[in-house]
Amino acid sequence: MFTVALVGGLHSDARRAAVDRLLADVPGSVALHHDLATAPATGTVARTVRDATGVLSAGETPLVDDCACCALREDLVPELARLRDSGLTRLAVVELWDSVEPKAMAEVVAAAGFRIGAVVTAVDPALLLPYLGNGDDLADVGLAAAATDRRTVADTWARQLEYAPVLAVAESAAVAESADVDSGGDADSGGDAFADRALLDQLHPTALRIPVDGGGLSAAVFAGFDVEAAAAAQHPACALLPQDADEHGVATYVWHHHRPFHPERLYAALEGLTCAATRSRGRFYLADRPDTLLAWDAAGGALCVESHGPWLASLPDAAWEMVPPVRRAAAALDWHPEHGDRCQHLVFTSPGLDREGLAELLGSCLLTDAEYAAGQESWKGFASAFDTLLEV
């Protein structure tokens, strides 16, 4: 059966190594790559198709509305159809360009009726922390996918990493996993390698991690991929967030509470909270808008706060039937007799994490006993400090 595997990630050397390994190990495999780097100068996106022996074909596709990523979407499906209809291709490896995010492309491919065997993000653990800490705009480093692209290196890399259920780990990771500092290795480099691995483990604990040179990647790309399940796993209401951990100087702190945040105090604390960890994410709610589920997404010192609709507790019973089962199940697991599924569930991951400082700062942002006792009518009088962030 014709199968598509998407391989992406900003770590371009690791990504190329993973694709090369698949081409070498899987008979009847070809790689399809759209190079968006040529778009600003030529007004086109360069397409190449190659196998283990070299380039089979090359071409160009014009930009769509001055958007290189849009051109990729328009050209990808016809090229995959051509490869399928040739009858010669067993596996089409779609090598995504640096800043292209796998979620959008997986949904395009699935909507066209192709079977997706896997979505893979290639990782060099030594680059994990530098990329997560890089707050530069993609446009400033030549990696924007469109003229209107306002993403940063850090938030793009975080989404690429956390969406993929399979991580193809570059050779340096295999070295880190087998490093024995006590048997003659360099202690500093060994410690860094173990810390890099601990950070990767904590950021995406459910991922299948496969060394690029370990031989297991060729089987993983045929396992099957569920686009709807992957999307649900990223939704803030039911995301599979990391758990508490502390290993090799890297820690993950999970903070959970049911009392609402005071909007002004939380807003005043945003800079400290955002910069306290390499990566933080989760869901939360504010006293002045208790029915709105808000998503917290921070990386590289920048925070994105978005509304994701109502908490289930605010909906009439009849509306629950329109909510996906996975969302209802997640709400049931976290249900509070007074607040329902409303909660503060924030997760912070970083080397050198100050758990106590985070707990103190977050706790200071909750309503006091007196404020809480005053009730929701009183909370409506709080200043709406988050209107600018939420573009209200």
Protein backbone atom coordinates (compact mmCIF):
# COMPACT_ATOMS: atom_id res chain seq x y z
CA MET A 1 0.00 0.00 0.00
CA PHE A 2 1.25 3.46 -0.91
CA THR A 3 2.23 5.19 2.35
CA VAL A 4 3.31 8.73 3.15
CA ALA A 5 5.70 9.60 5.97
CA LEU A 6 6.30 13.22 6.94
CA VAL A 7 9.75 14.05 8.31
CA GLY A 8 10.35 17.58 9.57
CA GLY A 9 12.12 19.77 12.06
CA LEU A 10 14.36 22.81 12.20
CA HIS A 11 17.43 20.61 12.82
CA SER A 12 18.15 20.28 9.12
CA ASP A 13 21.21 18.00 9.35
CA ALA A 14 19.34 15.55 11.58
CA ARG A 15 16.33 15.69 9.28
CA ARG A 16 18.39 14.98 6.20
CA ALA A 17 20.10 12.07 7.98
CA ALA A 18 16.72 10.58 8.90
CA VAL A 19 15.44 10.86 5.33
CA ASP A 20 18.63 9.35 3.93
CA ARG A 21 18.32 6.44 6.34
CA LEU A 22 14.76 5.74 5.20
CA LEU A 23 15.74 5.87 1.53
CA ALA A 24 18.56 3.43 2.20
CA ASP A 25 16.50 1.02 4.28
CA VAL A 26 13.07 0.96 2.59
CA PRO A 27 12.89 -0.51 -0.94
CA GLY A 28 10.68 1.51 -3.25
CA SER A 29 11.02 4.72 -1.23
CA VAL A 30 11.45 8.23 -2.59
CA ALA A 31 11.79 11.60 -0.87
CA LEU A 32 9.80 14.66 -1.93
CA HIS A 33 11.13 18.02 -0.77
CA HIS A 34 9.96 21.59 -1.42
CA ASP A 35 12.69 24.15 -0.73
CA LEU A 36 11.03 27.37 0.42
CA ALA A 37 14.36 29.20 0.70
CA THR A 38 14.30 30.02 -3.01
CA ALA A 39 10.93 31.78 -2.82
CA PRO A 40 11.98 35.39 -1.98
CA ALA A 41 14.47 35.60 -4.85
CA THR A 42 12.65 33.62 -7.55
CA GLY A 43 8.98 33.80 -6.65
CA THR A 44 8.89 30.00 -6.84
CA VAL A 45 9.36 26.99 -4.59
CA ALA A 46 11.90 24.43 -5.78
CA ARG A 47 10.75 20.81 -5.78
CA THR A 48 13.01 17.75 -5.86
CA VAL A 49 12.23 14.05 -5.87
CA ARG A 50 15.08 11.68 -5.05
CA ASP A 51 15.77 8.12 -4.01
CA ALA A 52 18.83 6.46 -2.52
CA THR A 53 20.73 6.84 -5.81
CA GLY A 54 20.15 10.57 -6.29
CA VAL A 55 17.74 13.12 -7.77
CA LEU A 56 15.01 11.65 -9.96
CA SER A 57 13.27 14.88 -10.95
CA ALA A 58 13.25 18.57 -10.16
CA GLY A 59 10.87 21.40 -10.83
CA GLU A 60 9.36 24.63 -9.56
CA THR A 61 5.95 25.78 -8.45
CA PRO A 62 4.93 29.46 -8.24
CA LEU A 63 4.05 31.20 -5.00
CA VAL A 64 0.37 31.39 -4.07
CA ASP A 65 -0.63 34.84 -2.78
CA ASP A 66 3.03 35.56 -2.02
CA CYS A 67 3.06 32.57 0.33
CA ALA A 68 5.66 29.83 -0.08
CA CYS A 69 3.90 27.51 2.36
CA CYS A 70 0.65 27.93 0.40
CA ALA A 71 2.52 26.91 -2.76
CA LEU A 72 3.75 23.81 -0.94
CA ARG A 73 0.17 22.89 -0.03
CA GLU A 74 -0.99 23.34 -3.62
CA ASP A 75 1.83 21.27 -5.12
CA LEU A 76 2.17 18.53 -2.53
CA VAL A 77 -1.02 16.58 -3.21
CA PRO A 78 -0.62 16.37 -7.02
CA GLU A 79 2.99 15.21 -6.61
CA LEU A 80 1.98 12.53 -4.13
CA ALA A 81 -0.79 11.41 -6.48
CA ARG A 82 1.73 11.16 -9.31
CA LEU A 83 4.05 9.01 -7.19
CA ARG A 84 1.18 6.76 -6.11
CA ASP A 85 -0.21 6.34 -9.60
CA SER A 86 3.19 5.39 -10.99
CA GLY A 87 2.90 2.12 -9.08
CA LEU A 88 6.63 2.19 -8.40
CA THR A 89 6.64 3.90 -5.01
CA ARG A 90 5.97 2.09 -1.76
CA LEU A 91 6.91 4.92 0.62
CA ALA A 92 6.84 8.65 -0.12
CA VAL A 93 8.94 10.50 2.43
CA VAL A 94 7.83 14.13 2.53
CA GLU A 95 10.84 16.03 3.84
CA LEU A 96 9.38 19.26 5.19
CA TRP A 97 11.40 22.42 4.85
CA ASP A 98 12.92 23.88 8.01
CA SER A 99 10.08 25.95 9.49
CA VAL A 100 7.13 24.08 7.99
CA GLU A 101 5.02 22.63 10.80
CA PRO A 102 3.90 19.01 10.44
CA LYS A 103 0.35 19.45 11.74
CA ALA A 104 -0.88 21.51 8.80
CA MET A 105 0.82 19.28 6.23
CA ALA A 106 -0.42 16.07 7.82
CA GLU A 107 -3.97 17.39 7.69
CA VAL A 108 -3.58 18.33 4.01
CA VAL A 109 -2.24 14.87 3.14
CA ALA A 110 -4.91 13.04 5.14
CA ALA A 111 -7.72 15.16 3.66
CA ALA A 112 -6.56 14.11 0.18
CA GLY A 113 -7.10 10.47 1.12
CA PHE A 114 -3.49 9.31 1.44
CA ARG A 115 -2.46 6.90 4.18
CA ILE A 116 0.02 8.51 6.58
CA GLY A 117 2.35 5.97 8.14
CA ALA A 118 4.04 8.37 10.55
CA VAL A 119 4.90 11.94 11.35
CA VAL A 120 8.53 12.20 12.42
CA THR A 121 10.49 15.12 13.82
CA ALA A 122 14.26 14.82 13.57
CA VAL A 123 16.17 15.97 16.63
CA ASP A 124 19.77 16.71 17.46
CA PRO A 125 19.65 16.83 21.29
CA ALA A 126 22.66 19.13 21.42
CA LEU A 127 20.59 21.76 19.58
CA LEU A 128 17.41 21.24 21.59
CA LEU A 129 18.02 23.88 24.26
CA PRO A 130 19.55 26.51 21.92
CA TYR A 131 16.55 26.34 19.61
CA LEU A 132 13.99 26.40 22.43
CA GLY A 133 15.72 29.45 23.85
CA ASN A 134 15.87 31.30 20.53
CA GLY A 135 13.26 34.06 20.49
CA ASP A 136 14.30 35.40 17.06
CA ASP A 137 11.55 35.86 14.51
CA LEU A 138 11.75 33.36 11.66
CA ALA A 139 11.74 36.30 9.25
CA ASP A 140 14.94 37.66 10.82
CA VAL A 141 16.82 34.39 10.28
CA GLY A 142 15.57 33.69 6.75
CA LEU A 143 13.12 30.95 7.72
CA ALA A 144 9.74 32.65 7.27
CA ALA A 145 7.25 30.63 5.19
CA ALA A 146 5.32 33.72 4.10
CA ALA A 147 5.64 37.50 4.16
CA THR A 148 3.15 37.59 7.03
CA ASP A 149 4.90 34.87 9.07
CA ARG A 150 5.28 36.16 12.65
CA ARG A 151 6.44 32.95 14.31
CA THR A 152 9.67 32.64 16.27
CA VAL A 153 12.33 29.94 16.14
CA ALA A 154 11.45 28.76 19.66
CA ASP A 155 7.69 28.42 19.33
CA THR A 156 7.99 26.79 15.90
CA TRP A 157 10.48 24.24 17.14
CA ALA A 158 8.37 23.47 20.22
CA ARG A 159 5.31 22.67 18.08
CA GLN A 160 7.34 20.58 15.63
CA LEU A 161 8.76 18.57 18.52
CA GLU A 162 5.55 18.06 20.49
CA TYR A 163 3.23 17.18 17.60
CA ALA A 164 5.20 14.24 16.22
CA PRO A 165 4.69 10.85 17.93
CA VAL A 166 8.05 9.67 16.54
CA LEU A 167 11.37 11.43 17.13
CA ALA A 168 14.31 10.47 14.93
CA VAL A 169 17.24 11.19 17.20
CA ALA A 170 20.52 12.08 15.55
CA GLU A 171 23.75 10.19 16.21
CA SER A 172 24.75 12.53 18.99
CA ALA A 173 21.75 11.28 20.98
CA ALA A 174 22.83 7.67 20.64
CA VAL A 175 26.21 8.73 21.98
CA ALA A 176 24.48 10.51 24.87
CA GLU A 177 22.41 7.46 25.72
CA SER A 178 25.42 5.19 25.86
CA ALA A 179 27.87 7.72 27.29
CA ASP A 180 29.78 6.48 30.32
CA VAL A 181 31.39 9.49 31.95
CA ASP A 182 33.06 7.34 34.58
CA SER A 183 34.91 5.24 32.03
CA GLY A 184 37.17 7.82 30.54
CA GLY A 185 34.71 10.20 28.84
CA ASP A 186 34.75 13.94 29.36
CA ALA A 187 32.64 14.72 32.44
CA ASP A 188 31.37 18.07 31.19
CA SER A 189 30.37 16.83 27.75
CA GLY A 190 28.87 13.68 29.26
CA GLY A 191 26.85 15.74 31.71
CA ASP A 192 25.61 18.00 28.91
CA ALA A 193 24.61 14.96 26.86
CA PHE A 194 22.62 13.47 29.73
CA ALA A 195 20.96 16.84 30.40
CA ASP A 196 20.03 17.16 26.72
CA ARG A 197 18.46 13.70 26.81
CA ALA A 198 16.60 14.50 30.04
CA LEU A 199 15.20 17.69 28.48
CA LEU A 200 14.01 15.76 25.43
CA ASP A 201 12.44 13.06 27.60
CA GLN A 202 10.57 15.60 29.72
CA LEU A 203 9.35 17.78 26.88
CA HIS A 204 7.77 14.85 25.00
CA PRO A 205 7.61 11.84 27.33
CA THR A 206 5.14 9.86 25.19
CA ALA A 207 7.18 10.03 21.98
CA LEU A 208 8.81 7.00 20.43
CA ARG A 209 12.49 7.95 20.26
CA ILE A 210 14.48 6.10 17.59
CA PRO A 211 18.19 6.64 16.88
CA VAL A 212 18.65 7.54 13.22
CA ASP A 213 21.40 4.94 12.87
CA GLY A 214 19.62 2.31 14.95
CA GLY A 215 17.63 0.64 12.20
CA GLY A 216 14.18 0.99 13.77
CA LEU A 217 12.98 4.00 11.80
CA SER A 218 11.99 2.03 8.70
CA ALA A 219 9.42 0.01 10.65
CA ALA A 220 8.04 3.00 12.57
CA VAL A 221 7.07 4.94 9.44
CA PHE A 222 4.54 2.27 8.44
CA ALA A 223 2.82 2.04 11.85
CA GLY A 224 -0.02 4.45 11.01
CA PHE A 225 -0.92 7.98 12.09
CA ASP A 226 -4.29 9.35 13.25
CA VAL A 227 -4.63 13.03 12.37
CA GLU A 228 -7.66 13.58 14.60
CA ALA A 229 -6.02 11.95 17.61
CA ALA A 230 -2.87 14.00 17.05
CA ALA A 231 -4.89 17.22 16.97
CA ALA A 232 -6.72 16.26 20.16
CA ALA A 233 -3.42 15.56 21.89
CA GLN A 234 -2.38 19.17 21.22
CA HIS A 235 -5.66 20.81 22.25
CA PRO A 236 -5.12 22.58 25.60
CA ALA A 237 -8.27 21.05 27.10
CA CYS A 238 -7.05 17.48 26.68
CA ALA A 239 -3.34 17.72 25.84
CA LEU A 240 -1.08 15.01 27.22
CA LEU A 241 1.10 17.38 29.22
CA PRO A 242 4.38 16.28 30.81
CA GLN A 243 4.48 15.07 34.42
CA ASP A 244 6.68 16.14 37.33
CA ALA A 245 10.30 15.12 36.81
CA ASP A 246 13.79 16.04 37.94
CA GLU A 247 16.83 14.46 36.29
CA HIS A 248 20.37 15.57 35.39
CA GLY A 249 19.65 19.16 36.36
CA VAL A 250 16.51 19.38 34.21
CA ALA A 251 13.13 19.59 35.92
CA THR A 252 9.45 19.67 35.02
CA TYR A 253 7.07 21.30 37.48
CA VAL A 254 3.32 20.73 37.21
CA TRP A 255 1.19 23.36 38.94
CA HIS A 256 -2.49 22.62 39.38
CA HIS A 257 -5.21 24.59 41.14
CA HIS A 258 -8.95 25.17 40.83
CA ARG A 259 -9.21 28.71 42.21
CA PRO A 260 -9.28 31.41 39.48
CA PHE A 261 -6.47 33.84 38.76
CA HIS A 262 -6.80 37.54 39.51
CA PRO A 263 -6.34 39.05 36.01
CA GLU A 264 -4.26 42.06 37.02
CA ARG A 265 -1.91 40.16 39.32
CA LEU A 266 -1.36 37.41 36.76
CA TYR A 267 -0.73 39.95 34.02
CA ALA A 268 1.87 41.69 36.19
CA ALA A 269 3.62 38.34 36.74
CA LEU A 270 3.69 37.25 33.08
CA GLU A 271 7.27 38.25 32.37
CA GLY A 272 8.60 36.44 35.41
CA LEU A 273 6.59 33.32 34.66
CA THR A 274 7.46 33.28 30.96
CA CYS A 275 11.19 33.63 31.59
CA ALA A 276 11.24 31.14 34.47
CA ALA A 277 11.39 28.12 32.14
CA THR A 278 12.67 27.13 28.73
CA ARG A 279 9.22 25.79 27.88
CA SER A 280 5.83 26.16 29.55
CA ARG A 281 2.30 25.34 28.44
CA GLY A 282 -1.11 24.43 29.71
CA ARG A 283 -4.58 25.82 30.35
CA PHE A 284 -5.92 28.38 32.81
CA TYR A 285 -8.80 30.73 33.55
CA LEU A 286 -9.34 34.23 34.90
CA ALA A 287 -11.83 35.42 37.48
CA ASP A 288 -13.26 38.11 35.19
CA ARG A 289 -13.98 35.57 32.40
CA PRO A 290 -14.56 32.29 34.25
CA ASP A 291 -16.28 30.54 31.35
CA THR A 292 -13.35 30.91 28.91
CA LEU A 293 -10.65 28.26 28.57
CA LEU A 294 -7.34 30.02 27.94
CA ALA A 295 -4.24 28.33 26.52
CA TRP A 296 -0.75 29.15 27.80
CA ASP A 297 2.10 28.56 25.32
CA ALA A 298 5.57 29.93 26.04
CA ALA A 299 9.03 29.30 24.58
CA GLY A 300 12.08 31.43 23.95
CA GLY A 301 10.96 34.06 26.44
CA ALA A 302 7.76 34.80 24.51
CA LEU A 303 4.22 33.93 25.60
CA CYS A 304 1.12 33.30 23.51
CA VAL A 305 -2.28 33.35 25.25
CA GLU A 306 -5.31 32.27 23.23
CA SER A 307 -8.97 31.61 23.92
CA HIS A 308 -10.12 28.07 23.15
CA GLY A 309 -13.81 28.52 23.74
CA PRO A 310 -15.87 27.62 26.80
CA TRP A 311 -15.12 25.24 29.61
CA LEU A 312 -17.51 22.31 29.51
CA ALA A 313 -18.84 23.29 32.93
CA SER A 314 -20.28 26.46 31.38
CA LEU A 315 -22.24 24.56 28.70
CA PRO A 316 -25.79 23.28 28.99
CA ASP A 317 -26.07 19.50 29.26
CA ALA A 318 -27.48 19.20 25.73
CA ALA A 319 -24.33 20.75 24.26
CA TRP A 320 -22.10 18.02 25.65
CA GLU A 321 -23.18 15.66 22.90
CA MET A 322 -21.47 17.94 20.38
CA VAL A 323 -18.16 17.78 22.25
CA PRO A 324 -15.61 15.13 21.12
CA PRO A 325 -15.43 12.10 23.46
CA VAL A 326 -11.76 12.70 24.22
CA ARG A 327 -12.61 16.19 25.49
CA ARG A 328 -15.42 14.86 27.68
CA ALA A 329 -13.14 12.16 29.07
CA ALA A 330 -10.41 14.68 29.91
CA ALA A 331 -12.94 16.89 31.69
CA ALA A 332 -14.29 13.95 33.70
CA LEU A 333 -10.81 13.04 34.93
CA ASP A 334 -10.24 16.57 36.24
CA TRP A 335 -13.77 17.38 37.41
CA HIS A 336 -14.20 19.51 40.55
CA PRO A 337 -17.50 19.53 42.45
CA GLU A 338 -17.64 23.33 42.44
CA HIS A 339 -15.61 24.44 39.43
CA GLY A 340 -16.22 21.54 37.04
CA ASP A 341 -13.39 21.27 34.51
CA ARG A 342 -12.21 24.83 35.13
CA CYS A 343 -8.65 24.69 36.42
CA GLN A 344 -5.16 26.08 36.35
CA HIS A 345 -2.92 23.39 34.84
CA LEU A 346 0.45 24.79 33.87
CA VAL A 347 3.63 22.82 33.19
CA PHE A 348 7.14 24.33 33.26
CA THR A 349 10.24 22.50 31.95
CA SER A 350 13.79 23.83 32.12
CA PRO A 351 17.32 23.25 33.31
CA GLY A 352 17.84 24.85 36.72
CA LEU A 353 14.11 25.27 37.35
CA ASP A 354 13.14 27.14 40.55
CA ARG A 355 10.09 25.15 41.65
CA GLU A 356 9.61 27.01 44.91
CA GLY A 357 9.85 30.40 43.25
CA LEU A 358 7.34 29.40 40.60
CA ALA A 359 4.91 28.02 43.17
CA GLU A 360 5.11 31.22 45.20
CA LEU A 361 4.63 33.50 42.20
CA LEU A 362 1.73 31.49 40.78
CA GLY A 363 0.05 31.26 44.17
CA SER A 364 0.25 35.02 44.59
CA CYS A 365 -1.77 35.45 41.39
CA LEU A 366 -4.78 33.48 42.63
CA LEU A 367 -7.76 35.16 44.24
CA THR A 368 -7.32 35.68 47.96
CA ASP A 369 -9.79 34.09 50.37
CA ALA A 370 -11.65 37.39 50.67
CA GLU A 371 -11.77 37.94 46.90
CA TYR A 372 -12.94 34.41 46.33
CA ALA A 373 -15.66 34.65 48.97
CA ALA A 374 -17.02 37.81 47.31
CA GLY A 375 -18.27 35.67 44.41
CA GLN A 376 -18.49 35.89 40.62
CA GLU A 377 -20.53 39.08 40.51
CA SER A 378 -17.72 40.84 42.33
CA TRP A 379 -15.09 39.30 40.02
CA LYS A 380 -16.74 40.89 37.00
CA GLY A 381 -15.56 44.23 38.32
CA PHE A 382 -11.87 43.34 37.94
CA ALA A 383 -10.02 45.20 35.19
CA SER A 384 -9.72 43.09 32.02
CA ALA A 385 -5.93 43.08 31.93
CA PHE A 386 -5.74 40.42 29.20
CA ASP A 387 -7.80 42.20 26.53
CA THR A 388 -4.70 43.20 24.56
CA LEU A 389 -3.19 39.71 24.61
CA LEU A 390 -6.51 38.18 23.60
CA GLU A 391 -7.14 40.90 21.00
CA VAL A 392 -10.56 41.61 22.47
